[in-house]
PDB file of N, CA and C in Angstrom:
ATOM      1  N   MET A   1      -4.985  -0.054  16.924  1.00  0.00           N
ATOM      2  CA  MET A   1      -3.911  -0.797  16.277  1.00  0.00           C
ATOM      3  C   MET A   1      -2.786   0.187  15.961  1.00  0.00           C
ATOM      4  N   GLN A   2      -1.584  -0.190  16.261  1.00  0.00           N
ATOM      5  CA  GLN A   2      -0.417   0.646  16.005  1.00  0.00           C
ATOM      6  C   GLN A   2      -0.160   0.758  14.498  1.00  0.00           C
ATOM      7  N   SER A   3       0.384   1.898  14.093  1.00  0.00           N
ATOM      8  CA  SER A   3       0.639   2.137  12.662  1.00  0.00           C
ATOM      9  C   SER A   3       1.551   1.076  12.063  1.00  0.00           C
ATOM     10  N   TRP A   4       2.584   0.683  12.787  1.00  0.00           N
ATOM     11  CA  TRP A   4       3.508  -0.325  12.247  1.00  0.00           C
ATOM     12  C   TRP A   4       2.793  -1.653  12.043  1.00  0.00           C
ATOM     13  N   GLN A   5       1.786  -1.958  12.897  1.00  0.00           N
ATOM     14  CA  GLN A   5       1.026  -3.193  12.729  1.00  0.00           C
ATOM     15  C   GLN A   5       0.152  -3.130  11.479  1.00  0.00           C
ATOM     16  N   VAL A   6      -0.457  -1.969  11.245  1.00  0.00           N
ATOM     17  CA  VAL A   6      -1.289  -1.790  10.050  1.00  0.00           C
ATOM     18  C   VAL A   6      -0.441  -2.012   8.802  1.00  0.00           C
ATOM     19  N   LEU A   7       0.735  -1.386   8.761  1.00  0.00           N
ATOM     20  CA  LEU A   7       1.616  -1.553   7.606  1.00  0.00           C
ATOM     21  C   LEU A   7       2.037  -3.008   7.451  1.00  0.00           C
ATOM     22  N   GLU A   8       2.322  -3.669   8.549  1.00  0.00           N
ATOM     23  CA  GLU A   8       2.714  -5.081   8.512  1.00  0.00           C
ATOM     24  C   GLU A   8       1.579  -5.943   7.946  1.00  0.00           C
ATOM     25  N   TYR A   9       0.344  -5.707   8.376  1.00  0.00           N
ATOM     26  CA  TYR A   9      -0.795  -6.457   7.845  1.00  0.00           C
ATOM     27  C   TYR A   9      -1.004  -6.179   6.361  1.00  0.00           C
ATOM     28  N   LEU A  10      -0.843  -4.922   5.960  1.00  0.00           N
ATOM     29  CA  LEU A  10      -0.984  -4.591   4.543  1.00  0.00           C
ATOM     30  C   LEU A  10       0.108  -5.264   3.715  1.00  0.00           C
ATOM     31  N   GLU A  11       1.309  -5.353   4.256  1.00  0.00           N
ATOM     32  CA  GLU A  11       2.393  -6.061   3.561  1.00  0.00           C
ATOM     33  C   GLU A  11       2.048  -7.534   3.396  1.00  0.00           C
ATOM     34  N   GLY A  12       1.472  -8.138   4.427  1.00  0.00           N
ATOM     35  CA  GLY A  12       1.051  -9.541   4.351  1.00  0.00           C
ATOM     36  C   GLY A  12      -0.042  -9.745   3.327  1.00  0.00           C
ATOM     37  N   LEU A  13      -0.983  -8.818   3.280  1.00  0.00           N
ATOM     38  CA  LEU A  13      -2.056  -8.889   2.290  1.00  0.00           C
ATOM     39  C   LEU A  13      -1.481  -8.779   0.883  1.00  0.00           C
ATOM     40  N   ALA A  14      -0.563  -7.856   0.684  1.00  0.00           N
ATOM     41  CA  ALA A  14       0.069  -7.698  -0.625  1.00  0.00           C
ATOM     42  C   ALA A  14       0.725  -9.007  -1.056  1.00  0.00           C
ATOM     43  N   GLU A  15       1.418  -9.633  -0.141  1.00  0.00           N
ATOM     44  CA  GLU A  15       2.073 -10.905  -0.462  1.00  0.00           C
ATOM     45  C   GLU A  15       1.049 -11.951  -0.882  1.00  0.00           C
ATOM     46  N   ARG A  16      -0.068 -12.045  -0.147  1.00  0.00           N
ATOM     47  CA  ARG A  16      -1.111 -13.017  -0.485  1.00  0.00           C
ATOM     48  C   ARG A  16      -1.736 -12.727  -1.844  1.00  0.00           C
ATOM     49  N   LEU A  17      -1.780 -11.450  -2.217  1.00  0.00           N
ATOM     50  CA  LEU A  17      -2.357 -11.067  -3.504  1.00  0.00           C
ATOM     51  C   LEU A  17      -1.341 -11.093  -4.640  1.00  0.00           C
ATOM     52  N   GLY A  18      -0.087 -11.402  -4.324  1.00  0.00           N
ATOM     53  CA  GLY A  18       0.955 -11.459  -5.345  1.00  0.00           C
ATOM     54  C   GLY A  18       1.466 -10.097  -5.775  1.00  0.00           C
ATOM     55  N   VAL A  19       1.348  -9.115  -4.883  1.00  0.00           N
ATOM     56  CA  VAL A  19       1.798  -7.749  -5.169  1.00  0.00           C
ATOM     57  C   VAL A  19       3.083  -7.504  -4.396  1.00  0.00           C
ATOM     58  N   GLU A  20       4.109  -7.061  -5.081  1.00  0.00           N
ATOM     59  CA  GLU A  20       5.386  -6.768  -4.430  1.00  0.00           C
ATOM     60  C   GLU A  20       5.395  -5.314  -3.970  1.00  0.00           C
ATOM     61  N   ILE A  21       5.812  -5.093  -2.741  1.00  0.00           N
ATOM     62  CA  ILE A  21       5.976  -3.731  -2.240  1.00  0.00           C
ATOM     63  C   ILE A  21       7.455  -3.400  -2.306  1.00  0.00           C
ATOM     64  N   VAL A  22       7.762  -2.306  -2.994  1.00  0.00           N
ATOM     65  CA  VAL A  22       9.141  -1.883  -3.191  1.00  0.00           C
ATOM     66  C   VAL A  22       9.362  -0.603  -2.393  1.00  0.00           C
ATOM     67  N   TYR A  23      10.262  -0.687  -1.417  1.00  0.00           N
ATOM     68  CA  TYR A  23      10.620   0.471  -0.620  1.00  0.00           C
ATOM     69  C   TYR A  23      11.938   1.013  -1.148  1.00  0.00           C
ATOM     70  N   GLN A  24      11.906   2.238  -1.625  1.00  0.00           N
ATOM     71  CA  GLN A  24      13.137   2.870  -2.073  1.00  0.00           C
ATOM     72  C   GLN A  24      12.939   4.373  -2.082  1.00  0.00           C
ATOM     73  N   LYS A  25      14.030   5.081  -2.143  1.00  0.00           N
ATOM     74  CA  LYS A  25      13.987   6.536  -2.173  1.00  0.00           C
ATOM     75  C   LYS A  25      13.345   6.967  -3.482  1.00  0.00           C
ATOM     76  N   LEU A  26      12.288   7.755  -3.371  1.00  0.00           N
ATOM     77  CA  LEU A  26      11.589   8.257  -4.555  1.00  0.00           C
ATOM     78  C   LEU A  26      11.731   9.774  -4.578  1.00  0.00           C
ATOM     79  N   GLY A  27      12.199  10.292  -5.671  1.00  0.00           N
ATOM     80  CA  GLY A  27      12.339  11.732  -5.802  1.00  0.00           C
ATOM     81  C   GLY A  27      13.557  12.270  -5.080  1.00  0.00           C
ATOM     82  N   ASP A  28      13.639  13.603  -5.046  1.00  0.00           N
ATOM     83  CA  ASP A  28      14.744  14.281  -4.368  1.00  0.00           C
ATOM     84  C   ASP A  28      14.262  15.665  -3.944  1.00  0.00           C
ATOM     85  N   GLU A  29      15.173  16.567  -3.669  1.00  0.00           N
ATOM     86  CA  GLU A  29      14.788  17.901  -3.211  1.00  0.00           C
ATOM     87  C   GLU A  29      13.968  18.651  -4.259  1.00  0.00           C
ATOM     88  N   GLU A  30      14.231  18.403  -5.524  1.00  0.00           N
ATOM     89  CA  GLU A  30      13.562  19.118  -6.607  1.00  0.00           C
ATOM     90  C   GLU A  30      12.320  18.408  -7.116  1.00  0.00           C
ATOM     91  N   LEU A  31      12.236  17.100  -6.914  1.00  0.00           N
ATOM     92  CA  LEU A  31      11.146  16.309  -7.467  1.00  0.00           C
ATOM     93  C   LEU A  31      10.514  15.474  -6.361  1.00  0.00           C
ATOM     94  N   THR A  32       9.219  15.661  -6.151  1.00  0.00           N
ATOM     95  CA  THR A  32       8.494  14.876  -5.162  1.00  0.00           C
ATOM     96  C   THR A  32       7.710  13.790  -5.877  1.00  0.00           C
ATOM     97  N   VAL A  33       7.927  12.553  -5.465  1.00  0.00           N
ATOM     98  CA  VAL A  33       7.224  11.410  -6.035  1.00  0.00           C
ATOM     99  C   VAL A  33       6.474  10.730  -4.909  1.00  0.00           C
ATOM    100  N   ARG A  34       5.200  10.513  -5.098  1.00  0.00           N
ATOM    101  CA  ARG A  34       4.342   9.939  -4.062  1.00  0.00           C
ATOM    102  C   ARG A  34       4.439   8.430  -3.975  1.00  0.00           C
ATOM    103  N   GLY A  35       4.601   7.776  -5.089  1.00  0.00           N
ATOM    104  CA  GLY A  35       4.593   6.318  -5.124  1.00  0.00           C
ATOM    105  C   GLY A  35       3.208   5.818  -5.488  1.00  0.00           C
ATOM    106  N   GLY A  36       3.065   4.504  -5.570  1.00  0.00           N
ATOM    107  CA  GLY A  36       1.778   3.911  -5.881  1.00  0.00           C
ATOM    108  C   GLY A  36       1.915   2.606  -6.636  1.00  0.00           C
ATOM    109  N   LEU A  37       0.792   2.126  -7.131  1.00  0.00           N
ATOM    110  CA  LEU A  37       0.707   0.842  -7.816  1.00  0.00           C
ATOM    111  C   LEU A  37       1.060   0.988  -9.288  1.00  0.00           C
ATOM    112  N   CYS A  38       1.833   0.042  -9.790  1.00  0.00           N
ATOM    113  CA  CYS A  38       2.081  -0.033 -11.230  1.00  0.00           C
ATOM    114  C   CYS A  38       2.319  -1.494 -11.598  1.00  0.00           C
ATOM    115  N   ARG A  39       2.362  -1.732 -12.877  1.00  0.00           N
ATOM    116  CA  ARG A  39       2.604  -3.084 -13.389  1.00  0.00           C
ATOM    117  C   ARG A  39       3.927  -3.071 -14.121  1.00  0.00           C
ATOM    118  N   VAL A  40       4.836  -3.941 -13.705  1.00  0.00           N
ATOM    119  CA  VAL A  40       6.155  -4.038 -14.315  1.00  0.00           C
ATOM    120  C   VAL A  40       6.332  -5.469 -14.827  1.00  0.00           C
ATOM    121  N   ASN A  41       6.458  -5.601 -16.141  1.00  0.00           N
ATOM    122  CA  ASN A  41       6.623  -6.928 -16.763  1.00  0.00           C
ATOM    123  C   ASN A  41       5.573  -7.922 -16.272  1.00  0.00           C
ATOM    124  N   GLY A  42       4.323  -7.467 -16.177  1.00  0.00           N
ATOM    125  CA  GLY A  42       3.228  -8.344 -15.790  1.00  0.00           C
ATOM    126  C   GLY A  42       3.065  -8.554 -14.300  1.00  0.00           C
ATOM    127  N   THR A  43       3.925  -7.972 -13.490  1.00  0.00           N
ATOM    128  CA  THR A  43       3.857  -8.117 -12.038  1.00  0.00           C
ATOM    129  C   THR A  43       3.432  -6.796 -11.415  1.00  0.00           C
ATOM    130  N   PHE A  44       2.453  -6.862 -10.517  1.00  0.00           N
ATOM    131  CA  PHE A  44       2.029  -5.661  -9.828  1.00  0.00           C
ATOM    132  C   PHE A  44       3.030  -5.325  -8.725  1.00  0.00           C
ATOM    133  N   LYS A  45       3.362  -4.037  -8.642  1.00  0.00           N
ATOM    134  CA  LYS A  45       4.278  -3.549  -7.618  1.00  0.00           C
ATOM    135  C   LYS A  45       3.722  -2.250  -7.054  1.00  0.00           C
ATOM    136  N   ILE A  46       3.935  -2.061  -5.767  1.00  0.00           N
ATOM    137  CA  ILE A  46       3.592  -0.801  -5.125  1.00  0.00           C
ATOM    138  C   ILE A  46       4.906  -0.176  -4.689  1.00  0.00           C
ATOM    139  N   PHE A  47       5.184   1.006  -5.198  1.00  0.00           N
ATOM    140  CA  PHE A  47       6.398   1.720  -4.830  1.00  0.00           C
ATOM    141  C   PHE A  47       6.058   2.734  -3.750  1.00  0.00           C
ATOM    142  N   THR A  48       6.851   2.732  -2.693  1.00  0.00           N
ATOM    143  CA  THR A  48       6.693   3.708  -1.623  1.00  0.00           C
ATOM    144  C   THR A  48       8.060   4.044  -1.054  1.00  0.00           C
ATOM    145  N   ASP A  49       8.125   5.144  -0.372  1.00  0.00           N
ATOM    146  CA  ASP A  49       9.393   5.692   0.123  1.00  0.00           C
ATOM    147  C   ASP A  49       9.478   5.523   1.628  1.00  0.00           C
ATOM    148  N   ARG A  50      10.489   4.807   2.106  1.00  0.00           N
ATOM    149  CA  ARG A  50      10.677   4.585   3.545  1.00  0.00           C
ATOM    150  C   ARG A  50      10.947   5.889   4.299  1.00  0.00           C
ATOM    151  N   SER A  51      11.404   6.938   3.589  1.00  0.00           N
ATOM    152  CA  SER A  51      11.688   8.195   4.279  1.00  0.00           C
ATOM    153  C   SER A  51      10.404   8.980   4.569  1.00  0.00           C
ATOM    154  N   GLN A  52       9.278   8.567   3.982  1.00  0.00           N
ATOM    155  CA  GLN A  52       7.995   9.189   4.292  1.00  0.00           C
ATOM    156  C   GLN A  52       7.513   8.699   5.649  1.00  0.00           C
ATOM    157  N   SER A  53       6.563   9.405   6.223  1.00  0.00           N
ATOM    158  CA  SER A  53       5.995   8.971   7.505  1.00  0.00           C
ATOM    159  C   SER A  53       5.307   7.621   7.312  1.00  0.00           C
ATOM    160  N   ILE A  54       5.169   6.882   8.381  1.00  0.00           N
ATOM    161  CA  ILE A  54       4.524   5.571   8.289  1.00  0.00           C
ATOM    162  C   ILE A  54       3.074   5.719   7.854  1.00  0.00           C
ATOM    163  N   GLU A  55       2.427   6.806   8.237  1.00  0.00           N
ATOM    164  CA  GLU A  55       1.046   7.046   7.810  1.00  0.00           C
ATOM    165  C   GLU A  55       0.974   7.240   6.298  1.00  0.00           C
ATOM    166  N   ASP A  56       1.954   7.947   5.732  1.00  0.00           N
ATOM    167  CA  ASP A  56       1.994   8.121   4.278  1.00  0.00           C
ATOM    168  C   ASP A  56       2.270   6.787   3.577  1.00  0.00           C
ATOM    169  N   GLN A  57       3.135   5.978   4.151  1.00  0.00           N
ATOM    170  CA  GLN A  57       3.412   4.661   3.577  1.00  0.00           C
ATOM    171  C   GLN A  57       2.146   3.806   3.599  1.00  0.00           C
ATOM    172  N   ILE A  58       1.414   3.845   4.712  1.00  0.00           N
ATOM    173  CA  ILE A  58       0.160   3.094   4.822  1.00  0.00           C
ATOM    174  C   ILE A  58      -0.818   3.557   3.753  1.00  0.00           C
ATOM    175  N   ARG A  59      -0.939   4.859   3.576  1.00  0.00           N
ATOM    176  CA  ARG A  59      -1.862   5.411   2.589  1.00  0.00           C
ATOM    177  C   ARG A  59      -1.513   4.928   1.183  1.00  0.00           C
ATOM    178  N   VAL A  60      -0.233   4.985   0.815  1.00  0.00           N
ATOM    179  CA  VAL A  60       0.200   4.570  -0.525  1.00  0.00           C
ATOM    180  C   VAL A  60      -0.066   3.078  -0.735  1.00  0.00           C
ATOM    181  N   VAL A  61       0.291   2.257   0.241  1.00  0.00           N
ATOM    182  CA  VAL A  61       0.091   0.807   0.113  1.00  0.00           C
ATOM    183  C   VAL A  61      -1.402   0.483   0.080  1.00  0.00           C
ATOM    184  N   ALA A  62      -2.186   1.107   0.955  1.00  0.00           N
ATOM    185  CA  ALA A  62      -3.626   0.849   0.987  1.00  0.00           C
ATOM    186  C   ALA A  62      -4.291   1.268  -0.314  1.00  0.00           C
ATOM    187  N   GLU A  63      -3.905   2.419  -0.854  1.00  0.00           N
ATOM    188  CA  GLU A  63      -4.470   2.858  -2.128  1.00  0.00           C
ATOM    189  C   GLU A  63      -4.124   1.875  -3.248  1.00  0.00           C
ATOM    190  N   GLY A  64      -2.922   1.337  -3.226  1.00  0.00           N
ATOM    191  CA  GLY A  64      -2.538   0.353  -4.227  1.00  0.00           C
ATOM    192  C   GLY A  64      -3.323  -0.941  -4.101  1.00  0.00           C
ATOM    193  N   LEU A  65      -3.516  -1.399  -2.877  1.00  0.00           N
ATOM    194  CA  LEU A  65      -4.225  -2.658  -2.649  1.00  0.00           C
ATOM    195  C   LEU A  65      -5.732  -2.508  -2.800  1.00  0.00           C
ATOM    196  N   ALA A  66      -6.238  -1.296  -2.688  1.00  0.00           N
ATOM    197  CA  ALA A  66      -7.677  -1.062  -2.763  1.00  0.00           C
ATOM    198  C   ALA A  66      -8.272  -1.449  -4.108  1.00  0.00           C
ATOM    199  N   SER A  67      -7.454  -1.516  -5.139  1.00  0.00           N
ATOM    200  CA  SER A  67      -7.968  -1.871  -6.463  1.00  0.00           C
ATOM    201  C   SER A  67      -8.122  -3.384  -6.653  1.00  0.00           C
ATOM    202  N   PHE A  68      -7.702  -4.161  -5.675  1.00  0.00           N
ATOM    203  CA  PHE A  68      -7.817  -5.619  -5.764  1.00  0.00           C
ATOM    204  C   PHE A  68      -9.053  -6.098  -5.004  1.00  0.00           C
ATOM    205  N   ASP A  69      -9.603  -7.218  -5.456  1.00  0.00           N
ATOM    206  CA  ASP A  69     -10.760  -7.812  -4.790  1.00  0.00           C
ATOM    207  C   ASP A  69     -10.294  -8.551  -3.541  1.00  0.00           C
ATOM    208  N   THR A  70     -10.751  -8.096  -2.391  1.00  0.00           N
ATOM    209  CA  THR A  70     -10.360  -8.723  -1.125  1.00  0.00           C
ATOM    210  C   THR A  70     -11.571  -9.319  -0.401  1.00  0.00           C
ATOM    211  N   GLU A  71     -12.690  -9.460  -1.105  1.00  0.00           N
ATOM    212  CA  GLU A  71     -13.904  -9.972  -0.467  1.00  0.00           C
ATOM    213  C   GLU A  71     -13.719 -11.392   0.073  1.00  0.00           C
ATOM    214  N   GLU A  72     -12.955 -12.211  -0.609  1.00  0.00           N
ATOM    215  CA  GLU A  72     -12.766 -13.606  -0.205  1.00  0.00           C
ATOM    216  C   GLU A  72     -11.576 -13.802   0.724  1.00  0.00           C
ATOM    217  N   VAL A  73     -10.917 -12.706   1.093  1.00  0.00           N
ATOM    218  CA  VAL A  73      -9.736 -12.775   1.947  1.00  0.00           C
ATOM    219  C   VAL A  73     -10.130 -12.315   3.342  1.00  0.00           C
ATOM    220  N   TYR A  74      -9.760 -13.106   4.362  1.00  0.00           N
ATOM    221  CA  TYR A  74     -10.056 -12.667   5.723  1.00  0.00           C
ATOM    222  C   TYR A  74      -9.134 -11.508   6.071  1.00  0.00           C
ATOM    223  N   LEU A  75      -9.739 -10.420   6.564  1.00  0.00           N
ATOM    224  CA  LEU A  75      -8.981  -9.261   7.015  1.00  0.00           C
ATOM    225  C   LEU A  75      -9.547  -8.815   8.355  1.00  0.00           C
ATOM    226  N   PHE A  76      -8.684  -8.325   9.212  1.00  0.00           N
ATOM    227  CA  PHE A  76      -9.186  -7.711  10.435  1.00  0.00           C
ATOM    228  C   PHE A  76     -10.109  -6.569  10.039  1.00  0.00           C
ATOM    229  N   PRO A  77     -11.168  -6.339  10.794  1.00  0.00           N
ATOM    230  CA  PRO A  77     -12.100  -5.263  10.438  1.00  0.00           C
ATOM    231  C   PRO A  77     -11.416  -3.908  10.247  1.00  0.00           C
ATOM    232  N   TYR A  78     -10.446  -3.582  11.079  1.00  0.00           N
ATOM    233  CA  TYR A  78      -9.779  -2.288  10.942  1.00  0.00           C
ATOM    234  C   TYR A  78      -9.035  -2.196   9.604  1.00  0.00           C
ATOM    235  N   ILE A  79      -8.396  -3.276   9.171  1.00  0.00           N
ATOM    236  CA  ILE A  79      -7.678  -3.285   7.896  1.00  0.00           C
ATOM    237  C   ILE A  79      -8.669  -3.134   6.750  1.00  0.00           C
ATOM    238  N   ARG A  80      -9.811  -3.795   6.852  1.00  0.00           N
ATOM    239  CA  ARG A  80     -10.849  -3.653   5.819  1.00  0.00           C
ATOM    240  C   ARG A  80     -11.322  -2.198   5.747  1.00  0.00           C
ATOM    241  N   GLU A  81     -11.449  -1.534   6.894  1.00  0.00           N
ATOM    242  CA  GLU A  81     -11.833  -0.113   6.924  1.00  0.00           C
ATOM    243  C   GLU A  81     -10.774   0.754   6.245  1.00  0.00           C
ATOM    244  N   VAL A  82      -9.508   0.455   6.491  1.00  0.00           N
ATOM    245  CA  VAL A  82      -8.420   1.212   5.853  1.00  0.00           C
ATOM    246  C   VAL A  82      -8.521   1.084   4.338  1.00  0.00           C
ATOM    247  N   LEU A  83      -8.771  -0.122   3.851  1.00  0.00           N
ATOM    248  CA  LEU A  83      -8.900  -0.338   2.402  1.00  0.00           C
ATOM    249  C   LEU A  83     -10.142   0.350   1.843  1.00  0.00           C
ATOM    250  N   GLU A  84     -11.253   0.289   2.570  1.00  0.00           N
ATOM    251  CA  GLU A  84     -12.459   0.960   2.116  1.00  0.00           C
ATOM    252  C   GLU A  84     -12.276   2.470   2.040  1.00  0.00           C
ATOM    253  N   LYS A  85     -11.595   3.017   3.013  1.00  0.00           N
ATOM    254  CA  LYS A  85     -11.305   4.452   2.989  1.00  0.00           C
ATOM    255  C   LYS A  85     -10.452   4.798   1.772  1.00  0.00           C
ATOM    256  N   ALA A  86      -9.459   3.957   1.473  1.00  0.00           N
ATOM    257  CA  ALA A  86      -8.602   4.179   0.307  1.00  0.00           C
ATOM    258  C   ALA A  86      -9.395   4.079  -0.991  1.00  0.00           C
ATOM    259  N   ARG A  87     -10.372   3.190  -1.039  1.00  0.00           N
ATOM    260  CA  ARG A  87     -11.200   3.042  -2.249  1.00  0.00           C
ATOM    261  C   ARG A  87     -12.046   4.291  -2.499  1.00  0.00           C
ATOM    262  N   ARG A  88     -12.445   4.968  -1.446  1.00  0.00           N
ATOM    263  CA  ARG A  88     -13.279   6.164  -1.581  1.00  0.00           C
ATOM    264  C   ARG A  88     -12.498   7.409  -1.952  1.00  0.00           C
ATOM    265  N   GLN A  89     -11.164   7.354  -1.879  1.00  0.00           N
ATOM    266  CA  GLN A  89     -10.342   8.516  -2.219  1.00  0.00           C
ATOM    267  C   GLN A  89     -10.391   8.757  -3.726  1.00  0.00           C
ATOM    268  N   PRO A  90     -10.458  10.014  -4.136  1.00  0.00           N
ATOM    269  CA  PRO A  90     -10.509  10.310  -5.582  1.00  0.00           C
ATOM    270  C   PRO A  90      -9.200   9.996  -6.276  1.00  0.00           C
TER     271      PRO A  90
END
């Protein structure tokens, strides 16, 4: 599966789970910000930086979504593996 497809599927999953993905410039030359899941006014949001590699964007989004219960949601097996890998990360 192509990286852009993985990110697209993760974006669709986020939408189904009611999680907003916010793409914006995070940090600058002096400050590096990774992004991740947070709650803003009761709404879950995942912040990630479009200037990062697509693999880094996938990692940030997957780590954010990994904290949600997806057992009752149909996912392609590869996407489920991506989420499981993210759940095992410290």
